[in-house]
């Protein structure tokens, strides 16, 4: 029952040269601090990846937009500079 979203986020940010934006849909339990889930380690991993690459941005809760029972969030971050 592991989730690989933080691994994909890390790979995506690794492809960004110096500065750039990344947007990714993540399970809310892995990224959104308002989500009630026992998977706190997933949230820590996601935030550690963002900190590793010096990202700033927002993570927004979307709800069950895909209608499959897993609530989603979207992360829009900028690597290497202030988010504007």
N, C-alpha and C. Protein backbone atom coordinates (compact mmCIF):
# COMPACT_ATOMS: atom_id res chain seq x y z
N UNK A 1 0.82 -1.20 0.00
CA UNK A 1 0.00 0.00 0.00
C UNK A 1 0.85 1.25 0.00
N UNK A 2 2.07 1.14 -0.48
CA UNK A 2 2.93 2.31 -0.55
C UNK A 2 2.53 3.22 -1.69
N UNK A 3 2.97 4.44 -1.63
CA UNK A 3 2.66 5.41 -2.67
C UNK A 3 3.97 5.96 -3.22
N UNK A 4 4.07 6.04 -4.53
CA UNK A 4 5.29 6.49 -5.18
C UNK A 4 5.26 7.95 -5.60
N UNK A 5 4.25 8.69 -5.17
CA UNK A 5 4.10 10.07 -5.65
C UNK A 5 5.30 10.94 -5.28
N UNK A 6 5.88 10.77 -4.10
CA UNK A 6 7.04 11.58 -3.71
C UNK A 6 8.25 11.24 -4.57
N UNK A 7 8.37 9.99 -5.00
CA UNK A 7 9.46 9.59 -5.89
C UNK A 7 9.32 10.30 -7.24
N UNK A 8 8.10 10.32 -7.79
CA UNK A 8 7.87 11.00 -9.06
C UNK A 8 8.08 12.50 -8.93
N UNK A 9 7.67 13.08 -7.81
CA UNK A 9 7.89 14.50 -7.57
C UNK A 9 9.39 14.80 -7.55
N UNK A 10 10.16 13.96 -6.88
CA UNK A 10 11.61 14.13 -6.81
C UNK A 10 12.22 14.05 -8.22
N UNK A 11 11.79 13.09 -9.02
CA UNK A 11 12.30 12.96 -10.39
C UNK A 11 11.94 14.18 -11.24
N UNK A 12 10.71 14.65 -11.12
CA UNK A 12 10.28 15.81 -11.90
C UNK A 12 11.11 17.04 -11.55
N UNK A 13 11.34 17.26 -10.26
CA UNK A 13 12.11 18.42 -9.84
C UNK A 13 13.57 18.29 -10.26
N UNK A 14 14.06 17.06 -10.39
CA UNK A 14 15.42 16.84 -10.85
C UNK A 14 15.61 17.22 -12.32
N UNK A 15 14.55 17.18 -13.10
CA UNK A 15 14.63 17.56 -14.51
C UNK A 15 14.62 19.07 -14.72
N UNK A 16 14.20 19.83 -13.71
CA UNK A 16 14.14 21.28 -13.82
C UNK A 16 15.55 21.86 -13.71
N UNK A 17 15.94 22.66 -14.67
CA UNK A 17 17.26 23.30 -14.66
C UNK A 17 17.17 24.63 -13.91
N UNK A 18 17.92 24.77 -12.85
CA UNK A 18 18.03 25.98 -12.05
C UNK A 18 16.69 26.45 -11.47
N UNK A 19 15.82 27.02 -12.29
CA UNK A 19 14.53 27.51 -11.83
C UNK A 19 13.44 27.02 -12.76
N UNK A 20 12.26 26.78 -12.19
CA UNK A 20 11.13 26.37 -13.01
C UNK A 20 9.97 25.90 -12.16
N UNK A 21 8.82 25.74 -12.81
CA UNK A 21 7.60 25.34 -12.14
C UNK A 21 7.29 23.87 -12.40
N UNK A 22 6.67 23.24 -11.41
CA UNK A 22 6.21 21.86 -11.52
C UNK A 22 4.82 21.80 -10.91
N UNK A 23 3.92 21.09 -11.60
CA UNK A 23 2.59 20.83 -11.06
C UNK A 23 2.36 19.32 -11.09
N UNK A 24 1.83 18.78 -10.02
CA UNK A 24 1.62 17.33 -9.93
C UNK A 24 0.39 17.05 -9.07
N UNK A 25 -0.41 16.08 -9.49
CA UNK A 25 -1.54 15.62 -8.70
C UNK A 25 -1.04 14.53 -7.77
N UNK A 26 -1.34 14.68 -6.49
CA UNK A 26 -0.88 13.75 -5.46
C UNK A 26 -2.06 13.26 -4.63
N UNK A 27 -1.96 12.08 -4.03
CA UNK A 27 -3.00 11.68 -3.07
C UNK A 27 -2.98 12.68 -1.90
N UNK A 28 -4.15 13.12 -1.48
CA UNK A 28 -4.22 14.10 -0.40
C UNK A 28 -3.55 13.59 0.88
N UNK A 29 -3.62 12.31 1.12
CA UNK A 29 -2.99 11.74 2.30
C UNK A 29 -1.48 11.82 2.28
N UNK A 30 -0.89 12.03 1.12
CA UNK A 30 0.56 12.13 0.99
C UNK A 30 1.06 13.56 0.99
N UNK A 31 0.14 14.52 0.91
CA UNK A 31 0.64 15.88 0.70
C UNK A 31 -0.14 16.98 1.39
N UNK A 32 -1.39 16.76 1.67
CA UNK A 32 -2.21 17.86 2.19
C UNK A 32 -2.30 17.75 3.71
N UNK A 33 -1.87 18.78 4.40
CA UNK A 33 -1.82 18.72 5.87
C UNK A 33 -3.20 18.69 6.51
N UNK A 34 -4.25 19.08 5.80
CA UNK A 34 -5.59 19.04 6.34
C UNK A 34 -6.26 17.69 6.22
N UNK A 35 -5.63 16.75 5.52
CA UNK A 35 -6.20 15.43 5.32
C UNK A 35 -5.99 14.56 6.56
N UNK A 36 -7.05 13.95 7.02
CA UNK A 36 -6.97 13.05 8.18
C UNK A 36 -6.57 11.66 7.68
N UNK A 37 -5.34 11.29 7.89
CA UNK A 37 -4.84 10.01 7.44
C UNK A 37 -3.74 9.52 8.38
N UNK A 38 -3.60 8.23 8.54
CA UNK A 38 -2.53 7.72 9.39
C UNK A 38 -1.17 7.73 8.69
N UNK A 39 -1.11 8.19 7.43
CA UNK A 39 0.13 8.16 6.66
C UNK A 39 0.94 9.44 6.82
N UNK A 40 1.27 9.80 8.03
CA UNK A 40 2.06 11.00 8.27
C UNK A 40 3.44 10.91 7.66
N UNK A 41 3.98 9.71 7.54
CA UNK A 41 5.31 9.54 6.94
C UNK A 41 5.31 9.97 5.48
N UNK A 42 4.23 9.72 4.76
CA UNK A 42 4.13 10.14 3.36
C UNK A 42 4.16 11.65 3.22
N UNK A 43 3.50 12.35 4.12
CA UNK A 43 3.52 13.81 4.11
C UNK A 43 4.93 14.31 4.38
N UNK A 44 5.59 13.71 5.35
CA UNK A 44 6.97 14.12 5.67
C UNK A 44 7.89 13.88 4.48
N UNK A 45 7.71 12.78 3.78
CA UNK A 45 8.53 12.48 2.61
C UNK A 45 8.29 13.50 1.51
N UNK A 46 7.04 13.84 1.24
CA UNK A 46 6.72 14.84 0.22
C UNK A 46 7.35 16.18 0.57
N UNK A 47 7.20 16.63 1.80
CA UNK A 47 7.75 17.91 2.21
C UNK A 47 9.28 17.89 2.24
N UNK A 48 9.87 16.74 2.52
CA UNK A 48 11.33 16.61 2.48
C UNK A 48 11.84 16.77 1.06
N UNK A 49 11.13 16.18 0.09
CA UNK A 49 11.51 16.33 -1.32
C UNK A 49 11.43 17.80 -1.73
N UNK A 50 10.37 18.49 -1.34
CA UNK A 50 10.22 19.90 -1.68
C UNK A 50 11.32 20.74 -1.05
N UNK A 51 11.68 20.42 0.18
CA UNK A 51 12.75 21.14 0.87
C UNK A 51 14.11 20.86 0.21
N UNK A 52 14.33 19.62 -0.18
CA UNK A 52 15.58 19.21 -0.84
C UNK A 52 15.88 20.08 -2.06
N UNK A 53 14.86 20.37 -2.84
CA UNK A 53 15.04 21.12 -4.08
C UNK A 53 14.81 22.63 -3.90
N UNK A 54 14.59 23.09 -2.68
CA UNK A 54 14.40 24.51 -2.42
C UNK A 54 13.13 25.07 -3.04
N UNK A 55 12.04 24.33 -2.93
CA UNK A 55 10.78 24.72 -3.57
C UNK A 55 9.92 25.60 -2.67
N UNK A 56 9.16 26.43 -3.33
CA UNK A 56 8.11 27.22 -2.69
C UNK A 56 6.87 27.08 -3.54
N UNK A 57 5.72 27.15 -2.91
CA UNK A 57 4.49 27.06 -3.67
C UNK A 57 3.30 26.71 -2.81
N UNK A 58 2.33 26.07 -3.40
CA UNK A 58 1.08 25.74 -2.73
C UNK A 58 0.69 24.30 -2.99
N UNK A 59 0.02 23.70 -2.00
CA UNK A 59 -0.61 22.40 -2.17
C UNK A 59 -2.08 22.60 -1.85
N UNK A 60 -2.93 22.31 -2.81
CA UNK A 60 -4.37 22.56 -2.69
C UNK A 60 -5.14 21.24 -2.65
N UNK A 61 -6.09 21.16 -1.76
CA UNK A 61 -6.94 19.97 -1.62
C UNK A 61 -8.02 20.01 -2.69
N UNK A 62 -8.20 18.90 -3.41
CA UNK A 62 -9.20 18.83 -4.48
C UNK A 62 -10.40 17.95 -4.13
N UNK A 63 -10.25 17.02 -3.21
CA UNK A 63 -11.33 16.10 -2.89
C UNK A 63 -11.26 14.86 -3.78
N UNK A 64 -12.36 14.14 -3.87
CA UNK A 64 -12.41 12.90 -4.66
C UNK A 64 -12.81 13.23 -6.10
N UNK A 65 -11.96 13.97 -6.80
CA UNK A 65 -12.29 14.45 -8.14
C UNK A 65 -12.32 13.33 -9.19
N UNK A 66 -11.62 12.24 -8.95
CA UNK A 66 -11.61 11.14 -9.92
C UNK A 66 -12.65 10.08 -9.60
N UNK A 67 -13.41 10.27 -8.53
CA UNK A 67 -14.51 9.39 -8.13
C UNK A 67 -14.08 7.92 -7.92
N UNK A 68 -12.89 7.74 -7.36
CA UNK A 68 -12.45 6.37 -7.06
C UNK A 68 -12.16 6.16 -5.58
N UNK A 69 -12.57 7.11 -4.75
CA UNK A 69 -12.44 6.96 -3.31
C UNK A 69 -11.15 7.48 -2.70
N UNK A 70 -10.19 7.90 -3.53
CA UNK A 70 -8.94 8.45 -3.02
C UNK A 70 -8.96 9.96 -3.25
N UNK A 71 -8.91 10.71 -2.17
CA UNK A 71 -8.93 12.16 -2.28
C UNK A 71 -7.59 12.65 -2.81
N UNK A 72 -7.65 13.67 -3.64
CA UNK A 72 -6.45 14.17 -4.31
C UNK A 72 -6.14 15.60 -3.90
N UNK A 73 -4.92 15.98 -4.15
CA UNK A 73 -4.49 17.37 -4.00
C UNK A 73 -3.58 17.67 -5.18
N UNK A 74 -3.35 18.95 -5.42
CA UNK A 74 -2.44 19.35 -6.49
C UNK A 74 -1.36 20.22 -5.88
N UNK A 75 -0.12 19.92 -6.23
CA UNK A 75 1.02 20.72 -5.77
C UNK A 75 1.52 21.53 -6.95
N UNK A 76 1.62 22.82 -6.76
CA UNK A 76 2.19 23.72 -7.76
C UNK A 76 3.34 24.43 -7.07
N UNK A 77 4.55 24.10 -7.51
CA UNK A 77 5.73 24.62 -6.82
C UNK A 77 6.72 25.19 -7.82
N UNK A 78 7.58 26.04 -7.30
CA UNK A 78 8.66 26.60 -8.10
C UNK A 78 9.97 26.20 -7.45
N UNK A 79 10.84 25.66 -8.25
CA UNK A 79 12.17 25.30 -7.76
C UNK A 79 13.13 26.44 -7.99
N UNK A 80 13.89 26.78 -6.93
CA UNK A 80 14.98 27.73 -7.08
C UNK A 80 14.60 29.20 -7.05
N UNK A 81 13.57 29.56 -6.37
CA UNK A 81 13.26 30.99 -6.28
C UNK A 81 11.92 31.23 -5.62
N UNK A 82 11.60 32.49 -5.49
CA UNK A 82 10.35 32.89 -4.84
C UNK A 82 9.16 32.56 -5.74
N UNK A 83 8.08 32.11 -5.14
CA UNK A 83 6.85 31.79 -5.87
C UNK A 83 6.06 33.07 -6.05
N UNK A 84 5.72 33.39 -7.29
CA UNK A 84 4.98 34.64 -7.55
C UNK A 84 3.72 34.34 -8.29
